[in-house]
Amino acid sequence: TAPISTSITVVPTFTNGSVSCSGPSKSITITVNPTAQVNQPNNVVFCAGTPSTAIPFSTTNTVGVTTYNWTNDTSSIGLGASGTGNIAVFTPVNNTTSPIIATITVIPTFANGGTSCTGPSETFTITINPKGQVNSISNIVICNGNTIPEIVFSTNNTGGTTTYNWTNNTTSIGLAASGSGNITAFNAVNNGTSPVTATITVTPIFTNSTNCSGTPITFTIIVNPNARVSTITNKTVCNNTTLPAINFATTNTGGTPSYTWTNDTPSIGLGASGTGNIAAFTAINTGTSPIIATIEVTPSYTNNSVICSGTPTTFTITVNPTAQVNQPNNVV
């Protein structure tokens, strides 16, 4: 691993007429440099977009100076095609969906005494993982009490394993504040009177020897409230009297309410069913005793094209008969 030197001493002798005459000696040194050598670099894996670490080269050779020339067969990773010395920090590039592997060849040169000696090369790989990636998720709108099916995350990345971490900024919808992997099915909750919007943020992590996070995506889960209709007071009216319009109301906000109703006694002059408010009508009772009709009103609430039904409410319309007196007999 170090130069080896030997000293050669040369003594000249001149012979003539059977007489030998020695002269002054001369010395020379022969130095044999070792073969240049570079220690085997480790293979490394970096994440696209995250600065790499420097890659230093080393040798077991001593005394002289070892330098290194290297080549890179895949310059698209953000590292030049060739260079000298250690590989400095660089910003890895991988705009694909799978790891890119570059092969680096390092050739050592040992210099000593004005002579440079090249040694055998070593190769290693630099793998650039793609950033984690998760496909977009459509926003979800659902009614209170309904089950949201499992939300399954997916990716276009290959050549490694993608995992997902997610957060939820509104736990009142029945979903935890955070989790990992897919979101399992759960029952949506909204006991209020207006829609509740939760924003879910999903962060993908691509793993291939090294964990590489990607750009998070967000989607929303909107939980609509149950539809509501305010209580209607019972009505009593006389035969052949106009009953004013009955307008329904709700405490719901943030969407559009609607109503359907049924009437179990259409003989009072009101149809058997209808939608919206009940228009004014003339009450009918040609009999001799009150007629009681039960009206059942079912509310619906529409928000983001999702219709949510509510609990029906009932009230009565009583139509009294026209007052009547039997004809008295004349008396004397």
C-alpha atoms as a PDB file:
ATOM      1  CA  THR A   1       0.000   0.000   0.000  1.00  0.00           C
ATOM      2  CA  ALA A   2       3.078   2.276   0.027  1.00  0.00           C
ATOM      3  CA  PRO A   3       6.027   2.864  -2.310  1.00  0.00           C
ATOM      4  CA  ILE A   4       8.956   0.456  -1.932  1.00  0.00           C
ATOM      5  CA  SER A   5      12.463   1.852  -2.586  1.00  0.00           C
ATOM      6  CA  THR A   6      15.764   0.057  -3.053  1.00  0.00           C
ATOM      7  CA  SER A   7      19.259   1.569  -3.458  1.00  0.00           C
ATOM      8  CA  ILE A   8      21.525   0.181  -6.199  1.00  0.00           C
ATOM      9  CA  THR A   9      25.274   0.874  -5.873  1.00  0.00           C
ATOM     10  CA  VAL A  10      27.357   0.469  -9.016  1.00  0.00           C
ATOM     11  CA  VAL A  11      31.157   0.049  -8.715  1.00  0.00           C
ATOM     12  CA  PRO A  12      33.073   0.334 -12.059  1.00  0.00           C
ATOM     13  CA  THR A  13      36.295  -1.587 -12.737  1.00  0.00           C
ATOM     14  CA  PHE A  14      38.601  -0.864 -15.674  1.00  0.00           C
ATOM     15  CA  THR A  15      40.872  -3.747 -16.744  1.00  0.00           C
ATOM     16  CA  ASN A  16      43.852  -3.464 -19.106  1.00  0.00           C
ATOM     17  CA  GLY A  17      47.117  -5.412 -19.271  1.00  0.00           C
ATOM     18  CA  SER A  18      45.904  -7.712 -16.563  1.00  0.00           C
ATOM     19  CA  VAL A  19      45.549  -4.757 -14.250  1.00  0.00           C
ATOM     20  CA  SER A  20      42.115  -3.843 -12.898  1.00  0.00           C
ATOM     21  CA  CYS A  21      41.451  -0.358 -11.709  1.00  0.00           C
ATOM     22  CA  SER A  22      38.369   0.427  -9.609  1.00  0.00           C
ATOM     23  CA  GLY A  23      36.608   3.742  -9.909  1.00  0.00           C
ATOM     24  CA  PRO A  24      34.239   5.717  -7.726  1.00  0.00           C
ATOM     25  CA  SER A  25      30.821   4.078  -7.227  1.00  0.00           C
ATOM     26  CA  LYS A  26      27.488   5.522  -8.177  1.00  0.00           C
ATOM     27  CA  SER A  27      24.174   4.870  -6.494  1.00  0.00           C
ATOM     28  CA  ILE A  28      20.646   4.970  -7.811  1.00  0.00           C
ATOM     29  CA  THR A  29      17.306   4.446  -6.136  1.00  0.00           C
ATOM     30  CA  ILE A  30      14.487   2.417  -7.687  1.00  0.00           C
ATOM     31  CA  THR A  31      11.062   3.201  -6.233  1.00  0.00           C
ATOM     32  CA  VAL A  32       8.125   0.949  -7.077  1.00  0.00           C
ATOM     33  CA  ASN A  33       4.805   2.637  -6.456  1.00  0.00           C
ATOM     34  CA  PRO A  34       1.851   0.457  -5.373  1.00  0.00           C
ATOM     35  CA  THR A  35      -1.051  -0.052  -7.707  1.00  0.00           C
ATOM     36  CA  ALA A  36      -3.593   2.727  -7.222  1.00  0.00           C
ATOM     37  CA  GLN A  37      -6.512   1.533  -5.119  1.00  0.00           C
ATOM     38  CA  VAL A  38      -9.938   2.847  -4.087  1.00  0.00           C
ATOM     39  CA  ASN A  39     -12.047   1.301  -1.350  1.00  0.00           C
ATOM     40  CA  GLN A  40     -15.362  -0.107  -2.517  1.00  0.00           C
ATOM     41  CA  PRO A  41     -18.019   2.635  -2.105  1.00  0.00           C
ATOM     42  CA  ASN A  42     -21.378   1.623  -0.691  1.00  0.00           C
ATOM     43  CA  ASN A  43     -24.468   1.749  -2.861  1.00  0.00           C
ATOM     44  CA  VAL A  44     -26.667   4.690  -1.864  1.00  0.00           C
ATOM     45  CA  VAL A  45     -30.340   5.608  -2.220  1.00  0.00           C
ATOM     46  CA  PHE A  46     -31.581   9.204  -2.283  1.00  0.00           C
ATOM     47  CA  CYS A  47     -35.012  10.830  -2.604  1.00  0.00           C
ATOM     48  CA  ALA A  48     -35.856  12.995  -5.603  1.00  0.00           C
ATOM     49  CA  GLY A  49     -35.808  16.662  -4.711  1.00  0.00           C
ATOM     50  CA  THR A  50     -34.037  16.188  -1.367  1.00  0.00           C
ATOM     51  CA  PRO A  51     -30.329  17.166  -1.336  1.00  0.00           C
ATOM     52  CA  SER A  52     -28.035  14.140  -1.286  1.00  0.00           C
ATOM     53  CA  THR A  53     -25.129  13.597   1.046  1.00  0.00           C
ATOM     54  CA  ALA A  54     -21.545  13.898  -0.220  1.00  0.00           C
ATOM     55  CA  ILE A  55     -19.919  10.645  -1.359  1.00  0.00           C
ATOM     56  CA  PRO A  56     -16.235  10.567  -0.342  1.00  0.00           C
ATOM     57  CA  PHE A  57     -13.701   8.105  -1.764  1.00  0.00           C
ATOM     58  CA  SER A  58     -10.850   6.562   0.237  1.00  0.00           C
ATOM     59  CA  THR A  59      -7.860   4.298  -0.215  1.00  0.00           C
ATOM     60  CA  THR A  60      -5.555   2.098   1.842  1.00  0.00           C
ATOM     61  CA  ASN A  61      -2.527   3.493  -0.045  1.00  0.00           C
ATOM     62  CA  THR A  62      -0.194   5.809   1.837  1.00  0.00           C
ATOM     63  CA  VAL A  63       2.775   8.154   1.285  1.00  0.00           C
ATOM     64  CA  GLY A  64       1.747   9.287  -2.195  1.00  0.00           C
ATOM     65  CA  VAL A  65      -1.375  11.074  -3.342  1.00  0.00           C
ATOM     66  CA  THR A  66      -4.418   9.183  -4.611  1.00  0.00           C
ATOM     67  CA  THR A  67      -6.871  10.993  -6.839  1.00  0.00           C
ATOM     68  CA  TYR A  68     -10.109   9.736  -8.309  1.00  0.00           C
ATOM     69  CA  ASN A  69     -11.871  10.111 -11.637  1.00  0.00           C
ATOM     70  CA  TRP A  70     -15.429   8.931 -11.904  1.00  0.00           C
ATOM     71  CA  THR A  71     -18.099   8.464 -14.543  1.00  0.00           C
ATOM     72  CA  ASN A  72     -21.877   8.277 -14.250  1.00  0.00           C
ATOM     73  CA  ASP A  73     -23.894   6.351 -16.834  1.00  0.00           C
ATOM     74  CA  THR A  74     -27.207   8.112 -16.018  1.00  0.00           C
ATOM     75  CA  SER A  75     -26.760  11.861 -15.808  1.00  0.00           C
ATOM     76  CA  SER A  76     -30.547  12.385 -15.733  1.00  0.00           C
ATOM     77  CA  ILE A  77     -30.396  11.808 -11.952  1.00  0.00           C
ATOM     78  CA  GLY A  78     -28.967  15.329 -11.583  1.00  0.00           C
ATOM     79  CA  LEU A  79     -25.304  14.282 -11.356  1.00  0.00           C
ATOM     80  CA  GLY A  80     -22.825  15.059 -14.137  1.00  0.00           C
ATOM     81  CA  ALA A  81     -21.580  12.379 -16.525  1.00  0.00           C
ATOM     82  CA  SER A  82     -18.064  12.572 -15.087  1.00  0.00           C
ATOM     83  CA  GLY A  83     -15.945  14.302 -12.491  1.00  0.00           C
ATOM     84  CA  THR A  84     -12.862  14.187 -10.300  1.00  0.00           C
ATOM     85  CA  GLY A  85     -12.461  13.856  -6.562  1.00  0.00           C
ATOM     86  CA  ASN A  86     -15.306  13.124  -4.200  1.00  0.00           C
ATOM     87  CA  ILE A  87     -18.906  13.466  -5.340  1.00  0.00           C
ATOM     88  CA  ALA A  88     -20.309  16.631  -3.782  1.00  0.00           C
ATOM     89  CA  VAL A  89     -23.856  17.156  -2.549  1.00  0.00           C
ATOM     90  CA  PHE A  90     -26.319  17.416  -5.446  1.00  0.00           C
ATOM     91  CA  THR A  91     -30.081  17.639  -5.860  1.00  0.00           C
ATOM     92  CA  PRO A  92     -31.360  14.268  -7.090  1.00  0.00           C
ATOM     93  CA  VAL A  93     -33.817  14.240  -9.996  1.00  0.00           C
ATOM     94  CA  ASN A  94     -36.424  11.588 -10.776  1.00  0.00           C
ATOM     95  CA  ASN A  95     -39.577  12.684 -12.552  1.00  0.00           C
ATOM     96  CA  THR A  96     -40.734   9.129 -13.226  1.00  0.00           C
ATOM     97  CA  THR A  97     -42.860   6.790 -11.117  1.00  0.00           C
ATOM     98  CA  SER A  98     -40.176   4.222 -10.250  1.00  0.00           C
ATOM     99  CA  PRO A  99     -36.571   4.271  -8.940  1.00  0.00           C
ATOM    100  CA  ILE A 100     -33.759   5.232 -11.321  1.00  0.00           C
ATOM    101  CA  ILE A 101     -30.428   3.450 -10.842  1.00  0.00           C
ATOM    102  CA  ALA A 102     -27.176   5.060 -11.997  1.00  0.00           C
ATOM    103  CA  THR A 103     -23.876   3.132 -12.054  1.00  0.00           C
ATOM    104  CA  ILE A 104     -20.828   5.112 -10.952  1.00  0.00           C
ATOM    105  CA  THR A 105     -17.344   3.892 -11.987  1.00  0.00           C
ATOM    106  CA  VAL A 106     -14.388   5.203  -9.937  1.00  0.00           C
ATOM    107  CA  ILE A 107     -10.813   4.980 -11.292  1.00  0.00           C
ATOM    108  CA  PRO A 108      -8.003   5.673  -8.754  1.00  0.00           C
ATOM    109  CA  THR A 109      -4.627   7.188  -9.645  1.00  0.00           C
ATOM    110  CA  PHE A 110      -1.637   7.006  -7.271  1.00  0.00           C
ATOM    111  CA  ALA A 111       1.050   9.689  -7.723  1.00  0.00           C
ATOM    112  CA  ASN A 112       4.496   9.609  -6.162  1.00  0.00           C
ATOM    113  CA  GLY A 113       7.928  10.747  -7.310  1.00  0.00           C
ATOM    114  CA  GLY A 114       6.580  12.297 -10.459  1.00  0.00           C
ATOM    115  CA  THR A 115       4.991   9.042 -11.598  1.00  0.00           C
ATOM    116  CA  SER A 116       1.253   8.383 -11.717  1.00  0.00           C
ATOM    117  CA  CYS A 117      -0.083   4.849 -11.521  1.00  0.00           C
ATOM    118  CA  THR A 118      -3.666   3.963 -12.400  1.00  0.00           C
ATOM    119  CA  GLY A 119      -5.431   1.171 -10.540  1.00  0.00           C
ATOM    120  CA  PRO A 120      -8.457  -1.039 -11.053  1.00  0.00           C
ATOM    121  CA  SER A 121     -11.843   0.700 -10.980  1.00  0.00           C
ATOM    122  CA  GLU A 122     -14.681   0.108  -8.539  1.00  0.00           C
ATOM    123  CA  THR A 123     -18.370   0.545  -9.282  1.00  0.00           C
ATOM    124  CA  PHE A 124     -21.355   1.345  -7.105  1.00  0.00           C
ATOM    125  CA  THR A 125     -24.905   2.505  -7.683  1.00  0.00           C
ATOM    126  CA  ILE A 126     -26.843   5.638  -6.837  1.00  0.00           C
ATOM    127  CA  THR A 127     -30.587   4.975  -6.741  1.00  0.00           C
ATOM    128  CA  ILE A 128     -32.958   7.924  -6.918  1.00  0.00           C
ATOM    129  CA  ASN A 129     -36.397   7.135  -5.578  1.00  0.00           C
ATOM    130  CA  PRO A 130     -39.378   9.066  -6.936  1.00  0.00           C
ATOM    131  CA  LYS A 131     -41.268  11.263  -4.527  1.00  0.00           C
ATOM    132  CA  GLY A 132     -44.195   9.620  -2.792  1.00  0.00           C
ATOM    133  CA  GLN A 133     -47.380  10.078  -4.827  1.00  0.00           C
ATOM    134  CA  VAL A 134     -51.063   9.494  -4.109  1.00  0.00           C
ATOM    135  CA  ASN A 135     -53.883   9.685  -6.626  1.00  0.00           C
ATOM    136  CA  SER A 136     -56.573  12.290  -6.004  1.00  0.00           C
ATOM    137  CA  ILE A 137     -59.707  11.413  -4.047  1.00  0.00           C
ATOM    138  CA  SER A 138     -63.101  12.819  -4.997  1.00  0.00           C
ATOM    139  CA  ASN A 139     -64.884  14.917  -2.397  1.00  0.00           C
ATOM    140  CA  ILE A 140     -67.578  13.026  -0.496  1.00  0.00           C
ATOM    141  CA  VAL A 141     -71.035  14.285   0.506  1.00  0.00           C
ATOM    142  CA  ILE A 142     -73.188  12.087   2.731  1.00  0.00           C
ATOM    143  CA  CYS A 143     -76.142  12.303   5.103  1.00  0.00           C
ATOM    144  CA  ASN A 144     -75.922  12.079   8.866  1.00  0.00           C
ATOM    145  CA  GLY A 145     -76.083   8.468  10.055  1.00  0.00           C
ATOM    146  CA  ASN A 146     -75.092   6.956   6.713  1.00  0.00           C
ATOM    147  CA  THR A 147     -71.991   4.794   6.278  1.00  0.00           C
ATOM    148  CA  ILE A 148     -69.052   6.095   4.283  1.00  0.00           C
ATOM    149  CA  PRO A 149     -67.460   3.076   2.522  1.00  0.00           C
ATOM    150  CA  GLU A 150     -63.748   2.411   2.948  1.00  0.00           C
ATOM    151  CA  ILE A 151     -61.633   5.102   1.272  1.00  0.00           C
ATOM    152  CA  VAL A 152     -58.812   3.339  -0.547  1.00  0.00           C
ATOM    153  CA  PHE A 153     -55.691   5.274  -1.529  1.00  0.00           C
ATOM    154  CA  SER A 154     -53.639   4.395  -4.614  1.00  0.00           C
ATOM    155  CA  THR A 155     -50.485   5.518  -6.401  1.00  0.00           C
ATOM    156  CA  ASN A 156     -48.850   5.431  -9.816  1.00  0.00           C
ATOM    157  CA  ASN A 157     -45.451   4.654  -8.265  1.00  0.00           C
ATOM    158  CA  THR A 158     -43.880   1.234  -8.708  1.00  0.00           C
ATOM    159  CA  GLY A 159     -40.643  -0.453  -7.684  1.00  0.00           C
ATOM    160  CA  GLY A 160     -41.166   0.182  -3.967  1.00  0.00           C
ATOM    161  CA  THR A 161     -43.865   0.380  -1.314  1.00  0.00           C
ATOM    162  CA  THR A 162     -46.170   3.370  -0.864  1.00  0.00           C
ATOM    163  CA  THR A 163     -47.792   4.045   2.494  1.00  0.00           C
ATOM    164  CA  TYR A 164     -50.155   6.840   3.463  1.00  0.00           C
ATOM    165  CA  ASN A 165     -50.563   9.039   6.544  1.00  0.00           C
ATOM    166  CA  TRP A 166     -53.695  11.165   6.844  1.00  0.00           C
ATOM    167  CA  THR A 167     -55.132  13.836   9.122  1.00  0.00           C
ATOM    168  CA  ASN A 168     -58.705  15.045   9.640  1.00  0.00           C
ATOM    169  CA  ASN A 169     -59.398  18.575  10.907  1.00  0.00           C
ATOM    170  CA  THR A 170     -62.990  17.895  12.051  1.00  0.00           C
ATOM    171  CA  THR A 171     -63.324  14.799  14.224  1.00  0.00           C
ATOM    172  CA  SER A 172     -66.988  15.512  15.009  1.00  0.00           C
ATOM    173  CA  ILE A 173     -67.950  13.796  11.728  1.00  0.00           C
ATOM    174  CA  GLY A 174     -67.085  10.449  13.353  1.00  0.00           C
ATOM    175  CA  LEU A 175     -63.551  10.076  11.958  1.00  0.00           C
ATOM    176  CA  ALA A 176     -60.368  10.152  14.061  1.00  0.00           C
ATOM    177  CA  ALA A 177     -57.951  13.094  13.880  1.00  0.00           C
ATOM    178  CA  SER A 178     -55.250  11.044  12.144  1.00  0.00           C
ATOM    179  CA  GLY A 179     -54.347   7.611  10.904  1.00  0.00           C
ATOM    180  CA  SER A 180     -52.299   5.599   8.442  1.00  0.00           C
ATOM    181  CA  GLY A 181     -53.264   3.436   5.508  1.00  0.00           C
ATOM    182  CA  ASN A 182     -56.740   3.462   4.011  1.00  0.00           C
ATOM    183  CA  ILE A 183     -59.660   5.031   5.884  1.00  0.00           C
ATOM    184  CA  THR A 184     -61.960   2.250   7.045  1.00  0.00           C
ATOM    185  CA  ALA A 185     -65.729   2.540   6.649  1.00  0.00           C
ATOM    186  CA  PHE A 186     -67.425   4.633   9.340  1.00  0.00           C
ATOM    187  CA  ASN A 187     -70.790   6.158  10.158  1.00  0.00           C
ATOM    188  CA  ALA A 188     -70.960   9.865   9.368  1.00  0.00           C
ATOM    189  CA  VAL A 189     -72.180  12.114  12.185  1.00  0.00           C
ATOM    190  CA  ASN A 190     -73.821  15.550  12.056  1.00  0.00           C
ATOM    191  CA  ASN A 191     -76.350  16.293  14.769  1.00  0.00           C
ATOM    192  CA  GLY A 192     -76.564  19.976  13.857  1.00  0.00           C
ATOM    193  CA  THR A 193     -78.738  21.890  11.427  1.00  0.00           C
ATOM    194  CA  SER A 194     -76.169  22.796   8.737  1.00  0.00           C
ATOM    195  CA  PRO A 195     -73.519  20.869   6.773  1.00  0.00           C
ATOM    196  CA  VAL A 196     -70.212  20.034   8.465  1.00  0.00           C
ATOM    197  CA  THR A 197     -67.103  19.997   6.255  1.00  0.00           C
ATOM    198  CA  ALA A 198     -63.992  18.020   7.220  1.00  0.00           C
ATOM    199  CA  THR A 199     -60.740  18.407   5.269  1.00  0.00           C
ATOM    200  CA  ILE A 200     -58.662  15.247   4.954  1.00  0.00           C
ATOM    201  CA  THR A 201     -54.943  15.651   4.143  1.00  0.00           C
ATOM    202  CA  VAL A 202     -53.125  12.580   2.807  1.00  0.00           C
ATOM    203  CA  THR A 203     -49.314  12.385   2.703  1.00  0.00           C
ATOM    204  CA  PRO A 204     -47.797   9.584   0.579  1.00  0.00           C
ATOM    205  CA  ILE A 205     -44.457   7.943   1.504  1.00  0.00           C
ATOM    206  CA  PHE A 206     -42.505   5.889  -1.052  1.00  0.00           C
ATOM    207  CA  THR A 207     -40.128   3.344   0.473  1.00  0.00           C
ATOM    208  CA  ASN A 208     -37.246   1.670  -1.330  1.00  0.00           C
ATOM    209  CA  SER A 209     -34.420   1.356   1.215  1.00  0.00           C
ATOM    210  CA  THR A 210     -35.168   5.001   2.049  1.00  0.00           C
ATOM    211  CA  ASN A 211     -38.481   6.711   2.889  1.00  0.00           C
ATOM    212  CA  CYS A 212     -39.382   9.498   0.465  1.00  0.00           C
ATOM    213  CA  SER A 213     -42.374  11.721   1.271  1.00  0.00           C
ATOM    214  CA  GLY A 214     -44.446  13.262  -1.491  1.00  0.00           C
ATOM    215  CA  THR A 215     -46.772  16.210  -1.939  1.00  0.00           C
ATOM    216  CA  PRO A 216     -49.931  15.827   0.193  1.00  0.00           C
ATOM    217  CA  ILE A 217     -53.379  15.898  -1.368  1.00  0.00           C
ATOM    218  CA  THR A 218     -56.598  17.042   0.275  1.00  0.00           C
ATOM    219  CA  PHE A 219     -60.244  16.180  -0.134  1.00  0.00           C
ATOM    220  CA  THR A 220     -63.362  16.988   1.854  1.00  0.00           C
ATOM    221  CA  ILE A 221     -66.046  14.957   3.547  1.00  0.00           C
ATOM    222  CA  ILE A 222     -69.273  16.952   3.883  1.00  0.00           C
ATOM    223  CA  VAL A 223     -71.859  15.512   6.265  1.00  0.00           C
ATOM    224  CA  ASN A 224     -75.321  16.945   5.711  1.00  0.00           C
ATOM    225  CA  PRO A 225     -77.688  17.201   8.700  1.00  0.00           C
ATOM    226  CA  ASN A 226     -80.938  15.318   8.884  1.00  0.00           C
ATOM    227  CA  ALA A 227     -83.794  17.216   7.265  1.00  0.00           C
ATOM    228  CA  ARG A 228     -86.076  18.941   9.752  1.00  0.00           C
ATOM    229  CA  VAL A 229     -89.522  20.480   9.640  1.00  0.00           C
ATOM    230  CA  SER A 230     -90.839  22.761  12.334  1.00  0.00           C
ATOM    231  CA  THR A 231     -93.892  21.684  14.298  1.00  0.00           C
ATOM    232  CA  ILE A 232     -97.251  22.599  12.756  1.00  0.00           C
ATOM    233  CA  THR A 233    -100.125  23.459  15.067  1.00  0.00           C
ATOM    234  CA  ASN A 234    -103.340  21.566  14.595  1.00  0.00           C
ATOM    235  CA  LYS A 235    -106.031  23.363  12.585  1.00  0.00           C
ATOM    236  CA  THR A 236    -109.779  23.518  13.125  1.00  0.00           C
ATOM    237  CA  VAL A 237    -112.083  25.089  10.593  1.00  0.00           C
ATOM    238  CA  CYS A 238    -115.761  25.129   9.703  1.00  0.00           C
ATOM    239  CA  ASN A 239    -117.318  23.474   6.715  1.00  0.00           C
ATOM    240  CA  ASN A 240    -117.173  25.583   3.577  1.00  0.00           C
ATOM    241  CA  THR A 241    -114.588  27.897   5.149  1.00  0.00           C
ATOM    242  CA  THR A 242    -111.281  28.684   3.474  1.00  0.00           C
ATOM    243  CA  LEU A 243    -108.273  27.320   5.340  1.00  0.00           C
ATOM    244  CA  PRO A 244    -105.289  29.653   4.744  1.00  0.00           C
ATOM    245  CA  ALA A 245    -102.113  28.296   3.191  1.00  0.00           C
ATOM    246  CA  ILE A 246     -99.990  26.165   5.511  1.00  0.00           C
ATOM    247  CA  ASN A 247     -96.340  27.031   5.076  1.00  0.00           C
ATOM    248  CA  PHE A 248     -93.691  24.661   6.341  1.00  0.00           C
ATOM    249  CA  ALA A 249     -90.441  25.857   7.931  1.00  0.00           C
ATOM    250  CA  THR A 250     -87.128  24.357   9.050  1.00  0.00           C
ATOM    251  CA  THR A 251     -84.158  25.126  11.261  1.00  0.00           C
ATOM    252  CA  ASN A 252     -81.833  23.701   8.615  1.00  0.00           C
ATOM    253  CA  THR A 253     -79.431  26.091   6.872  1.00  0.00           C
ATOM    254  CA  GLY A 254     -76.788  25.839   4.176  1.00  0.00           C
ATOM    255  CA  GLY A 255     -78.915  23.792   1.794  1.00  0.00           C
ATOM    256  CA  THR A 256     -82.356  23.602   0.238  1.00  0.00           C
ATOM    257  CA  PRO A 257     -85.319  22.186   2.202  1.00  0.00           C
ATOM    258  CA  SER A 258     -88.303  20.544   0.556  1.00  0.00           C
ATOM    259  CA  TYR A 259     -91.386  18.768   1.823  1.00  0.00           C
ATOM    260  CA  THR A 260     -93.782  16.021   0.782  1.00  0.00           C
ATOM    261  CA  TRP A 261     -97.032  15.398   2.607  1.00  0.00           C
ATOM    262  CA  THR A 262     -99.897  12.927   2.772  1.00  0.00           C
ATOM    263  CA  ASN A 263    -103.495  13.359   3.918  1.00  0.00           C
ATOM    264  CA  ASP A 264    -105.411  10.350   5.179  1.00  0.00           C
ATOM    265  CA  THR A 265    -108.814  11.992   4.656  1.00  0.00           C
ATOM    266  CA  PRO A 266    -109.064  13.721   1.264  1.00  0.00           C
ATOM    267  CA  SER A 267    -112.847  14.187   1.734  1.00  0.00           C
ATOM    268  CA  ILE A 268    -112.051  17.386   3.635  1.00  0.00           C
ATOM    269  CA  GLY A 269    -111.240  19.015   0.304  1.00  0.00           C
ATOM    270  CA  LEU A 270    -107.461  18.474   0.399  1.00  0.00           C
ATOM    271  CA  GLY A 271    -105.672  16.047  -1.921  1.00  0.00           C
ATOM    272  CA  ALA A 272    -104.278  12.738  -0.662  1.00  0.00           C
ATOM    273  CA  SER A 273    -100.680  13.908  -1.148  1.00  0.00           C
ATOM    274  CA  GLY A 274     -98.561  16.752  -2.397  1.00  0.00           C
ATOM    275  CA  THR A 275     -95.219  18.526  -2.326  1.00  0.00           C
ATOM    276  CA  GLY A 276     -94.210  21.873  -0.897  1.00  0.00           C
ATOM    277  CA  ASN A 277     -96.531  24.022   1.162  1.00  0.00           C
ATOM    278  CA  ILE A 278    -100.263  23.310   1.383  1.00  0.00           C
ATOM    279  CA  ALA A 279    -102.137  25.951  -0.578  1.00  0.00           C
ATOM    280  CA  ALA A 280    -105.301  27.529   0.790  1.00  0.00           C
ATOM    281  CA  PHE A 281    -108.396  25.399   0.193  1.00  0.00           C
ATOM    282  CA  THR A 282    -112.067  25.304   1.059  1.00  0.00           C
ATOM    283  CA  ALA A 283    -112.736  22.819   3.841  1.00  0.00           C
ATOM    284  CA  ILE A 284    -115.578  20.360   3.322  1.00  0.00           C
ATOM    285  CA  ASN A 285    -117.693  18.464   5.838  1.00  0.00           C
ATOM    286  CA  THR A 286    -121.225  17.735   4.725  1.00  0.00           C
ATOM    287  CA  GLY A 287    -121.786  15.380   7.622  1.00  0.00           C
ATOM    288  CA  THR A 288    -123.079  15.960  11.087  1.00  0.00           C
ATOM    289  CA  SER A 289    -119.905  15.480  13.137  1.00  0.00           C
ATOM    290  CA  PRO A 290    -116.322  16.774  12.925  1.00  0.00           C
ATOM    291  CA  ILE A 291    -113.962  15.118  10.464  1.00  0.00           C
ATOM    292  CA  ILE A 292    -110.336  14.836  11.519  1.00  0.00           C
ATOM    293  CA  ALA A 293    -107.679  14.463   8.840  1.00  0.00           C
ATOM    294  CA  THR A 294    -104.083  13.592   9.802  1.00  0.00           C
ATOM    295  CA  ILE A 295    -101.399  15.243   7.692  1.00  0.00           C
ATOM    296  CA  GLU A 296     -97.927  13.713   7.695  1.00  0.00           C
ATOM    297  CA  VAL A 297     -95.098  15.958   6.469  1.00  0.00           C
ATOM    298  CA  THR A 298     -91.737  14.448   5.471  1.00  0.00           C
ATOM    299  CA  PRO A 299     -88.841  16.932   5.131  1.00  0.00           C
ATOM    300  CA  SER A 300     -85.903  16.588   2.734  1.00  0.00           C
ATOM    301  CA  TYR A 301     -82.655  18.550   2.727  1.00  0.00           C
ATOM    302  CA  THR A 302     -80.498  18.936  -0.388  1.00  0.00           C
ATOM    303  CA  ASN A 303     -76.861  20.062  -0.350  1.00  0.00           C
ATOM    304  CA  ASN A 304     -74.205  19.375  -2.996  1.00  0.00           C
ATOM    305  CA  SER A 305     -76.758  17.297  -4.938  1.00  0.00           C
ATOM    306  CA  VAL A 306     -77.208  14.878  -2.024  1.00  0.00           C
ATOM    307  CA  ILE A 307     -80.729  14.574  -0.635  1.00  0.00           C
ATOM    308  CA  CYS A 308     -81.194  13.738   3.042  1.00  0.00           C
ATOM    309  CA  SER A 309     -84.561  12.797   4.492  1.00  0.00           C
ATOM    310  CA  GLY A 310     -85.744  13.600   8.003  1.00  0.00           C
ATOM    311  CA  THR A 311     -88.227  12.408  10.561  1.00  0.00           C
ATOM    312  CA  PRO A 312     -91.840  13.109   9.505  1.00  0.00           C
ATOM    313  CA  THR A 313     -94.086  15.268  11.648  1.00  0.00           C
ATOM    314  CA  THR A 314     -97.872  15.112  11.824  1.00  0.00           C
ATOM    315  CA  PHE A 315    -100.689  17.528  12.576  1.00  0.00           C
ATOM    316  CA  THR A 316    -104.462  17.429  12.192  1.00  0.00           C
ATOM    317  CA  ILE A 317    -107.019  19.415  10.300  1.00  0.00           C
ATOM    318  CA  THR A 318    -110.434  19.210  11.916  1.00  0.00           C
ATOM    319  CA  VAL A 319    -113.392  20.307   9.778  1.00  0.00           C
ATOM    320  CA  ASN A 320    -116.509  20.975  11.835  1.00  0.00           C
ATOM    321  CA  PRO A 321    -119.882  20.414  10.222  1.00  0.00           C
ATOM    322  CA  THR A 322    -122.237  23.300   9.519  1.00  0.00           C
ATOM    323  CA  ALA A 323    -124.337  23.979  12.577  1.00  0.00           C
ATOM    324  CA  GLN A 324    -127.841  22.566  12.207  1.00  0.00           C
ATOM    325  CA  VAL A 325    -131.047  22.634  14.175  1.00  0.00           C
ATOM    326  CA  ASN A 326    -134.001  20.350  13.556  1.00  0.00           C
ATOM    327  CA  GLN A 327    -137.224  22.119  12.502  1.00  0.00           C
ATOM    328  CA  PRO A 328    -139.345  22.746  15.594  1.00  0.00           C
ATOM    329  CA  ASN A 329    -143.101  22.146  15.311  1.00  0.00           C
ATOM    330  CA  ASN A 330    -145.446  25.110  15.405  1.00  0.00           C
ATOM    331  CA  VAL A 331    -147.180  25.328  18.735  1.00  0.00           C
ATOM    332  CA  VAL A 332    -150.486  26.909  19.922  1.00  0.00           C
END
